[in-house]
Amino acid sequence: MTVSLPRTAVLSGSLAVVAAFALSACGAAPDNASSTADGKSAATATATSAADFGGMDALVKAAKKEGTLQAIALPRDWANYGALIDGFQKKYGIKIKVENPDGSSQDEINAVTSRKGQNRAPDVLDLGSSFALSAAQQGLLAPYKVAGFADIPEGQKDAQARWYNDYGGYISIGCDAKRVKTCPTTFADLLKPEYKGRVALNGNPTKSGSAFGGVYAAALAGGGSFDDIQPGLDFFAKLKKNGNYTPVESTPATVEKGETPISIDWDYLNAGYAEEFKSKGVDWKVAVPGDGKFSQYYSQAINKDAPHPAAARLWQEYLYSTEGQNLWLKGYARPALMTAMDKAGTLDTTAAAKLPEVSGTPEFPTEAQQSKAKKVLAQGWAKAVSG
């Protein structure tokens, strides 16, 4: 089986990752006598691995005592997060509260900064790659090494373990074949006059990781590079000028209603729409454009001031378990540990076979390149699509 690789800030083309890790309680339990002002154990709030709790059993016990995990911007229909949330709750009996499920990566960061020290702050974050880098630079994230952290490729994790890649995919073009006579398969196609008012993004690229990826892919299609995202801005300016771009944010609701019949989005989201809406009469086609092949991962992180620090750390362990990684795969997303799980025989090969077909070896922008691209977008996006 050929394993395709996902999205985010990977510095090399290969993904040598490990799959399942046996988690066992070991070592002495930590001294939890000291506490923070709000009653949280200081040791819990600063734990950098399960070993700091005295092993997985102790971590589970501490997380169950907290009883709640506060998440943000996790739609149930995004990369199978609904199944992940249900699986974690069933396994550990810990309630997950998801605020603003359709929020952007920037919304997540804003929630952390505006609610610092408050019990309603998010415990965990699932951020677009460039946004994870930004959050780490702002000192918002807690270092924590999940089991097997050492086996995550260097380009897919922060050296201080403040974030690491979880799942990803390729920028794709989704199309409602019943509303669009001939579905586009390349960025060049999107400029054709028959697509007037029909081409949408999943959000604003200055706030949304998926939209950010869409502009990067358009840049690659237009002669740009990881160092030069300007051609992507130029593409959307042209798309806006000829009337093809619609500012309506693509969501499952707008897809079902026909408001965004052509959507530039991650392949796992578009593939999910194809399955979800089949019974509703929507014939949703998915194509990974050969002229703008862009792949990235999202990244997991823990709020440094998480109200439920043990539950936050247990959530990370669950996501990087074989169960968690395969649940992302069932949502058409390529999990970070996919290659090693395939080698170890723990990969759900049936789910892997359903992934959108992609050829070649993916390449990824560096941290510096992404930071530069974000600055260019912040300065030029509004102007590109205004008027």
Protein backbone atom coordinates (compact mmCIF):
# COMPACT_ATOMS: atom_id res chain seq x y z
CA MET A 1 0.00 0.00 0.00
CA THR A 2 1.26 3.47 -0.85
CA VAL A 3 0.89 5.86 2.05
CA SER A 4 0.29 9.50 1.17
CA LEU A 5 1.45 12.10 3.63
CA PRO A 6 -0.31 15.10 5.26
CA ARG A 7 -0.08 18.85 5.88
CA THR A 8 1.83 21.34 8.23
CA ALA A 9 5.35 22.55 8.78
CA VAL A 10 7.43 19.55 7.77
CA LEU A 11 10.96 20.36 6.71
CA SER A 12 11.71 17.16 4.81
CA GLY A 13 9.71 15.03 2.42
CA SER A 14 9.69 11.78 4.35
CA LEU A 15 7.58 10.82 7.32
CA ALA A 16 9.27 8.19 9.42
CA VAL A 17 6.97 7.94 12.39
CA VAL A 18 6.06 5.38 14.99
CA ALA A 19 2.59 4.05 15.51
CA ALA A 20 1.30 2.52 18.71
CA PHE A 21 2.90 2.87 22.08
CA ALA A 22 2.18 0.74 25.13
CA LEU A 23 1.47 3.04 28.02
CA SER A 24 2.12 1.75 31.51
CA ALA A 25 2.26 3.27 34.94
CA CYS A 26 5.76 3.44 36.32
CA GLY A 27 7.77 5.34 38.90
CA ALA A 28 6.70 7.00 42.07
CA ALA A 29 3.77 9.38 42.19
CA PRO A 30 4.83 13.05 42.25
CA ASP A 31 4.56 15.24 45.29
CA ASN A 32 1.39 17.24 44.73
CA ALA A 33 1.48 19.19 47.94
CA SER A 34 2.11 22.55 46.31
CA SER A 35 -0.83 24.11 44.49
CA THR A 36 -1.57 27.13 42.34
CA ALA A 37 -3.82 29.95 43.51
CA ASP A 38 -6.90 28.33 41.98
CA GLY A 39 -6.24 25.00 43.68
CA LYS A 40 -4.62 23.18 40.76
CA SER A 41 -1.64 21.02 41.57
CA ALA A 42 1.51 22.84 40.54
CA ALA A 43 3.03 19.51 39.48
CA THR A 44 -0.01 18.75 37.30
CA ALA A 45 0.02 22.16 35.66
CA THR A 46 3.68 21.84 34.68
CA ALA A 47 3.91 18.11 33.88
CA THR A 48 5.90 17.56 30.70
CA SER A 49 5.18 13.83 30.33
CA ALA A 50 3.04 11.06 31.82
CA ALA A 51 6.06 10.07 33.90
CA ASP A 52 5.69 13.33 35.83
CA PHE A 53 2.37 12.00 37.11
CA GLY A 54 3.87 8.67 38.06
CA GLY A 55 2.76 6.96 34.83
CA MET A 56 -0.34 6.69 32.68
CA ASP A 57 -2.54 5.22 35.41
CA ALA A 58 -1.84 8.23 37.61
CA LEU A 59 -2.46 10.62 34.71
CA VAL A 60 -5.80 8.97 34.01
CA LYS A 61 -6.74 9.23 37.69
CA ALA A 62 -5.84 12.93 37.81
CA ALA A 63 -7.74 13.66 34.61
CA LYS A 64 -10.84 11.81 35.82
CA LYS A 65 -10.70 13.85 39.02
CA GLU A 66 -10.85 17.03 36.95
CA GLY A 67 -13.73 15.50 35.02
CA THR A 68 -13.85 18.00 32.17
CA LEU A 69 -11.89 18.99 29.07
CA GLN A 70 -12.53 22.35 27.43
CA ALA A 71 -11.85 22.44 23.71
CA ILE A 72 -12.49 25.04 21.04
CA ALA A 73 -13.03 25.09 17.27
CA LEU A 74 -13.51 21.33 16.86
CA PRO A 75 -16.43 20.68 14.47
CA ARG A 76 -17.71 17.12 14.78
CA ASP A 77 -17.64 16.74 10.99
CA TRP A 78 -14.01 17.94 10.70
CA ALA A 79 -11.60 15.01 10.23
CA ASN A 80 -13.87 12.74 12.28
CA TYR A 81 -13.55 14.79 15.46
CA GLY A 82 -17.04 13.67 16.48
CA ALA A 83 -15.82 10.08 16.82
CA LEU A 84 -12.66 11.20 18.63
CA ILE A 85 -14.64 13.22 21.15
CA ASP A 86 -17.09 10.37 21.73
CA GLY A 87 -14.28 7.83 21.99
CA PHE A 88 -12.40 9.82 24.62
CA GLN A 89 -15.54 10.46 26.68
CA LYS A 90 -16.52 6.79 26.59
CA LYS A 91 -13.01 5.55 27.41
CA TYR A 92 -12.34 7.87 30.34
CA GLY A 93 -15.71 9.24 31.42
CA ILE A 94 -14.44 12.80 31.02
CA LYS A 95 -16.85 15.34 29.56
CA ILE A 96 -15.58 17.36 26.59
CA LYS A 97 -17.06 20.81 26.13
CA VAL A 98 -16.47 22.30 22.68
CA GLU A 99 -16.86 26.05 22.34
CA ASN A 100 -17.29 27.79 18.98
CA PRO A 101 -16.90 24.58 16.94
CA ASP A 102 -16.66 26.48 13.63
CA GLY A 103 -14.05 28.94 14.94
CA SER A 104 -10.72 29.60 13.26
CA SER A 105 -7.17 29.05 14.50
CA GLN A 106 -6.92 32.74 15.31
CA ASP A 107 -10.14 32.50 17.34
CA GLU A 108 -8.44 29.79 19.43
CA ILE A 109 -5.44 31.98 20.13
CA ASN A 110 -7.68 34.93 20.96
CA ALA A 111 -9.57 32.79 23.49
CA VAL A 112 -6.34 31.81 25.22
CA THR A 113 -5.03 35.37 25.48
CA SER A 114 -8.32 37.02 26.45
CA ARG A 115 -9.19 34.42 29.11
CA LYS A 116 -5.82 33.97 30.72
CA GLY A 117 -6.33 32.76 34.29
CA GLN A 118 -10.05 32.14 33.79
CA ASN A 119 -11.76 28.77 34.31
CA ARG A 120 -13.50 29.10 30.94
CA ALA A 121 -10.25 29.25 28.96
CA PRO A 122 -9.65 26.39 26.48
CA ASP A 123 -7.48 23.53 27.72
CA VAL A 124 -6.31 22.32 24.32
CA LEU A 125 -5.82 23.74 20.84
CA ASP A 126 -5.84 22.31 17.32
CA LEU A 127 -4.09 24.96 15.26
CA GLY A 128 -3.08 25.55 11.68
CA SER A 129 0.68 25.16 11.40
CA SER A 130 1.57 28.84 11.14
CA PHE A 131 -0.78 29.64 14.03
CA ALA A 132 0.86 27.00 16.25
CA LEU A 133 4.21 28.63 15.58
CA SER A 134 2.77 32.02 16.47
CA ALA A 135 1.21 30.73 19.71
CA ALA A 136 4.52 29.16 20.76
CA GLN A 137 6.37 32.41 20.04
CA GLN A 138 3.86 34.26 22.24
CA GLY A 139 4.57 31.89 25.14
CA LEU A 140 1.00 30.53 25.24
CA LEU A 141 1.71 26.80 25.07
CA ALA A 142 2.75 24.20 27.63
CA PRO A 143 5.56 21.75 26.84
CA TYR A 144 4.32 18.16 26.96
CA LYS A 145 5.79 15.03 25.41
CA VAL A 146 3.28 12.31 24.55
CA ALA A 147 4.50 8.72 24.63
CA GLY A 148 6.85 8.22 21.72
CA PHE A 149 7.48 11.94 21.23
CA ALA A 150 11.10 11.17 20.33
CA ASP A 151 9.90 9.21 17.29
CA ILE A 152 7.97 12.12 15.73
CA PRO A 153 10.18 13.49 12.91
CA GLU A 154 12.09 16.61 13.85
CA GLY A 155 10.34 18.72 11.24
CA GLN A 156 6.93 17.87 12.66
CA LYS A 157 7.37 19.00 16.23
CA ASP A 158 8.61 21.87 18.30
CA ALA A 159 11.94 21.08 19.97
CA GLN A 160 10.41 22.14 23.29
CA ALA A 161 7.30 19.98 22.72
CA ARG A 162 4.95 22.97 22.76
CA TRP A 163 3.23 21.70 19.60
CA TYR A 164 3.45 18.74 17.27
CA ASN A 165 1.67 17.64 14.14
CA ASP A 166 -1.44 15.50 14.40
CA TYR A 167 -3.24 15.02 11.06
CA GLY A 168 -3.36 16.65 7.67
CA GLY A 169 -3.99 16.46 3.98
CA TYR A 170 -3.76 18.26 0.67
CA ILE A 171 -5.52 21.34 -0.61
CA SER A 172 -8.25 20.13 -2.95
CA ILE A 173 -11.09 21.44 -5.08
CA GLY A 174 -14.53 20.16 -4.13
CA CYS A 175 -17.38 20.54 -6.60
CA ASP A 176 -21.13 19.91 -6.69
CA ALA A 177 -21.40 17.96 -9.95
CA LYS A 178 -25.17 18.42 -10.10
CA ARG A 179 -24.87 22.21 -10.03
CA VAL A 180 -21.65 22.58 -12.01
CA LYS A 181 -21.65 21.13 -15.53
CA THR A 182 -17.88 20.48 -15.67
CA CYS A 183 -16.04 20.40 -12.37
CA PRO A 184 -12.67 22.19 -12.21
CA THR A 185 -9.61 20.11 -11.35
CA THR A 186 -6.87 22.78 -11.41
CA PHE A 187 -6.40 26.35 -10.21
CA ALA A 188 -6.18 27.43 -13.85
CA ASP A 189 -9.67 25.99 -14.39
CA LEU A 190 -11.09 28.15 -11.59
CA LEU A 191 -10.54 31.29 -13.66
CA LYS A 192 -12.93 30.11 -16.40
CA PRO A 193 -16.04 32.30 -16.87
CA GLU A 194 -18.49 29.43 -16.25
CA TYR A 195 -17.55 29.48 -12.55
CA LYS A 196 -18.76 33.02 -11.93
CA GLY A 197 -19.68 33.55 -8.26
CA ARG A 198 -19.07 29.91 -7.39
CA VAL A 199 -15.54 29.59 -5.97
CA ALA A 200 -15.19 29.74 -2.17
CA LEU A 201 -12.61 29.28 0.56
CA ASN A 202 -13.11 27.82 4.03
CA GLY A 203 -12.62 31.12 5.84
CA ASN A 204 -10.23 34.07 5.76
CA PRO A 205 -6.55 33.08 5.18
CA THR A 206 -5.35 35.57 7.81
CA LYS A 207 -7.37 33.64 10.41
CA SER A 208 -8.01 30.16 8.97
CA GLY A 209 -5.38 27.46 8.43
CA SER A 210 -7.31 25.84 5.57
CA ALA A 211 -7.79 29.14 3.73
CA PHE A 212 -4.11 29.95 4.33
CA GLY A 213 -3.25 26.66 2.64
CA GLY A 214 -5.57 27.51 -0.26
CA VAL A 215 -3.71 30.73 -1.01
CA TYR A 216 -0.35 28.96 -0.69
CA ALA A 217 -1.50 26.30 -3.16
CA ALA A 218 -2.66 29.00 -5.58
CA ALA A 219 0.76 30.64 -5.26
CA LEU A 220 2.50 27.39 -6.21
CA ALA A 221 0.15 27.04 -9.18
CA GLY A 222 0.94 30.59 -10.30
CA GLY A 223 4.71 30.35 -10.31
CA GLY A 224 5.26 31.25 -6.68
CA SER A 225 7.09 29.26 -4.03
CA PHE A 226 7.20 28.69 -0.29
CA ASP A 227 9.22 31.91 -0.17
CA ASP A 228 6.77 33.80 -2.37
CA ILE A 229 3.03 33.62 -1.62
CA GLN A 230 2.31 36.83 -3.56
CA PRO A 231 1.17 34.97 -6.72
CA GLY A 232 -1.51 33.40 -4.54
CA LEU A 233 -2.80 36.83 -3.57
CA ASP A 234 -2.64 37.84 -7.22
CA PHE A 235 -4.68 34.77 -8.18
CA PHE A 236 -7.50 35.56 -5.77
CA ALA A 237 -7.43 39.22 -6.80
CA LYS A 238 -7.97 38.06 -10.38
CA LEU A 239 -10.63 35.58 -9.27
CA LYS A 240 -12.42 38.41 -7.47
CA LYS A 241 -12.09 40.80 -10.40
CA ASN A 242 -13.62 38.37 -12.90
CA GLY A 243 -16.48 37.62 -10.50
CA ASN A 244 -15.66 33.98 -9.80
CA TYR A 245 -14.70 34.37 -6.13
CA THR A 246 -17.46 34.45 -3.54
CA PRO A 247 -16.75 35.72 -0.01
CA VAL A 248 -19.23 33.20 1.43
CA GLU A 249 -17.28 30.91 3.77
CA SER A 250 -17.55 27.29 2.69
CA THR A 251 -19.12 25.06 5.38
CA PRO A 252 -21.12 21.82 5.34
CA ALA A 253 -24.29 23.94 5.41
CA THR A 254 -23.32 26.13 2.45
CA VAL A 255 -22.22 23.06 0.48
CA GLU A 256 -25.51 21.26 1.12
CA LYS A 257 -27.54 24.35 0.20
CA GLY A 258 -25.56 24.95 -2.98
CA GLU A 259 -24.25 28.34 -1.83
CA THR A 260 -20.62 27.28 -2.36
CA PRO A 261 -20.74 24.77 -5.23
CA ILE A 262 -16.96 24.94 -5.64
CA SER A 263 -14.83 24.89 -2.48
CA ILE A 264 -11.06 25.12 -2.09
CA ASP A 265 -10.39 23.15 1.10
CA TRP A 266 -8.46 20.26 2.62
CA ASP A 267 -9.04 16.98 0.83
CA TYR A 268 -10.25 15.25 4.00
CA LEU A 269 -13.01 17.83 4.43
CA ASN A 270 -14.10 17.67 0.81
CA ALA A 271 -13.95 13.86 0.88
CA GLY A 272 -16.04 13.91 4.04
CA TYR A 273 -18.66 16.08 2.32
CA ALA A 274 -18.82 13.59 -0.55
CA GLU A 275 -19.74 10.80 1.86
CA GLU A 276 -21.94 12.90 4.14
CA PHE A 277 -24.14 14.37 1.42
CA LYS A 278 -24.45 11.37 -0.87
CA SER A 279 -27.76 10.39 0.74
CA LYS A 280 -28.99 13.97 0.35
CA GLY A 281 -28.58 14.04 -3.40
CA VAL A 282 -25.36 16.03 -3.53
CA ASP A 283 -22.79 14.59 -5.96
CA TRP A 284 -19.63 16.11 -4.48
CA LYS A 285 -16.46 15.49 -6.51
CA VAL A 286 -12.94 15.95 -5.11
CA ALA A 287 -9.74 16.69 -7.02
CA VAL A 288 -6.23 17.49 -5.76
CA PRO A 289 -5.00 20.10 -8.28
CA GLY A 290 -1.79 19.06 -9.96
CA ASP A 291 -0.79 22.67 -10.59
CA GLY A 292 -0.96 23.65 -6.92
CA LYS A 293 -0.14 20.63 -4.81
CA PHE A 294 0.11 21.82 -1.22
CA SER A 295 0.13 19.57 1.83
CA GLN A 296 0.23 20.38 5.53
CA TYR A 297 -0.65 19.14 8.99
CA TYR A 298 -2.51 20.77 11.83
CA SER A 299 -0.83 20.83 15.21
CA GLN A 300 -1.88 19.88 18.73
CA ALA A 301 -1.05 22.06 21.71
CA ILE A 302 -1.93 22.57 25.37
CA ASN A 303 -2.79 25.94 26.83
CA LYS A 304 -0.03 26.83 29.32
CA ASP A 305 -2.75 28.00 31.72
CA ALA A 306 -5.19 25.17 31.04
CA PRO A 307 -7.96 25.01 33.67
CA HIS A 308 -7.85 21.19 33.41
CA PRO A 309 -4.16 20.39 32.86
CA ALA A 310 -4.35 16.62 33.48
CA ALA A 311 -7.33 16.15 31.15
CA ALA A 312 -5.52 18.24 28.53
CA ARG A 313 -2.49 15.94 28.69
CA LEU A 314 -4.59 12.78 28.64
CA TRP A 315 -6.39 14.09 25.52
CA GLN A 316 -3.03 14.39 23.78
CA GLU A 317 -2.11 10.82 24.74
CA TYR A 318 -5.43 9.59 23.35
CA LEU A 319 -5.04 11.44 20.06
CA TYR A 320 -1.60 9.91 19.49
CA SER A 321 -2.68 6.40 20.41
CA THR A 322 -3.39 3.86 17.66
CA GLU A 323 -7.11 4.32 18.32
CA GLY A 324 -6.96 8.08 17.97
CA GLN A 325 -4.76 8.10 14.87
CA ASN A 326 -6.99 5.58 13.08
CA LEU A 327 -10.09 7.63 13.91
CA TRP A 328 -8.57 10.61 12.10
CA LEU A 329 -7.81 8.29 9.20
CA LYS A 330 -11.45 7.24 9.07
CA GLY A 331 -12.22 10.93 8.61
CA TYR A 332 -10.05 10.95 5.45
CA ALA A 333 -7.21 12.79 7.22
CA ARG A 334 -3.68 11.43 7.08
CA PRO A 335 -2.50 10.96 10.69
CA ALA A 336 1.02 11.98 11.73
CA LEU A 337 1.95 8.40 12.65
CA MET A 338 0.57 6.90 9.45
CA THR A 339 3.81 5.61 7.92
CA ALA A 340 5.01 3.82 11.03
CA MET A 341 1.56 2.43 11.79
CA ASP A 342 1.48 0.97 8.29
CA LYS A 343 4.85 -0.69 8.91
CA ALA A 344 3.75 -1.95 12.32
CA GLY A 345 0.52 -3.39 10.98
CA THR A 346 -1.68 -1.18 13.18
CA LEU A 347 -2.97 1.08 10.40
CA ASP A 348 -6.61 0.82 9.32
CA THR A 349 -5.84 -0.15 5.73
CA THR A 350 -9.49 -0.05 4.67
CA ALA A 351 -9.73 3.60 5.68
CA ALA A 352 -6.35 4.37 4.11
CA ALA A 353 -7.49 2.97 0.77
CA LYS A 354 -10.33 5.53 0.65
CA LEU A 355 -8.03 8.57 0.78
CA PRO A 356 -8.06 10.91 -2.25
CA GLU A 357 -5.35 9.78 -4.65
CA VAL A 358 -2.19 11.88 -4.72
CA SER A 359 1.09 11.20 -6.49
CA GLY A 360 4.59 12.38 -5.70
CA THR A 361 6.34 13.30 -2.48
CA PRO A 362 4.95 16.30 -0.61
CA GLU A 363 7.12 19.25 0.37
CA PHE A 364 6.45 21.69 3.17
CA PRO A 365 7.30 25.29 4.03
CA THR A 366 9.68 26.00 6.90
CA GLU A 367 8.72 28.00 9.97
CA ALA A 368 10.44 31.10 8.55
CA GLN A 369 8.65 30.74 5.21
CA GLN A 370 5.26 30.41 6.89
CA SER A 371 5.89 33.43 9.10
CA LYS A 372 6.82 35.47 6.04
CA ALA A 373 3.72 34.28 4.18
CA LYS A 374 1.46 35.27 7.09
CA LYS A 375 2.88 38.80 7.05
CA VAL A 376 2.27 39.11 3.31
CA LEU A 377 -1.32 37.92 3.72
CA ALA A 378 -1.96 40.25 6.65
CA GLN A 379 -0.85 43.18 4.53
CA GLY A 380 -2.51 42.26 1.24
CA TRP A 381 -5.50 39.91 1.58
CA ALA A 382 -8.22 42.49 2.21
CA LYS A 383 -7.05 44.57 -0.74
CA ALA A 384 -6.88 41.53 -3.01
CA VAL A 385 -10.52 40.53 -2.53
CA SER A 386 -12.10 43.94 -1.88
CA GLY A 387 -14.31 45.79 -4.28
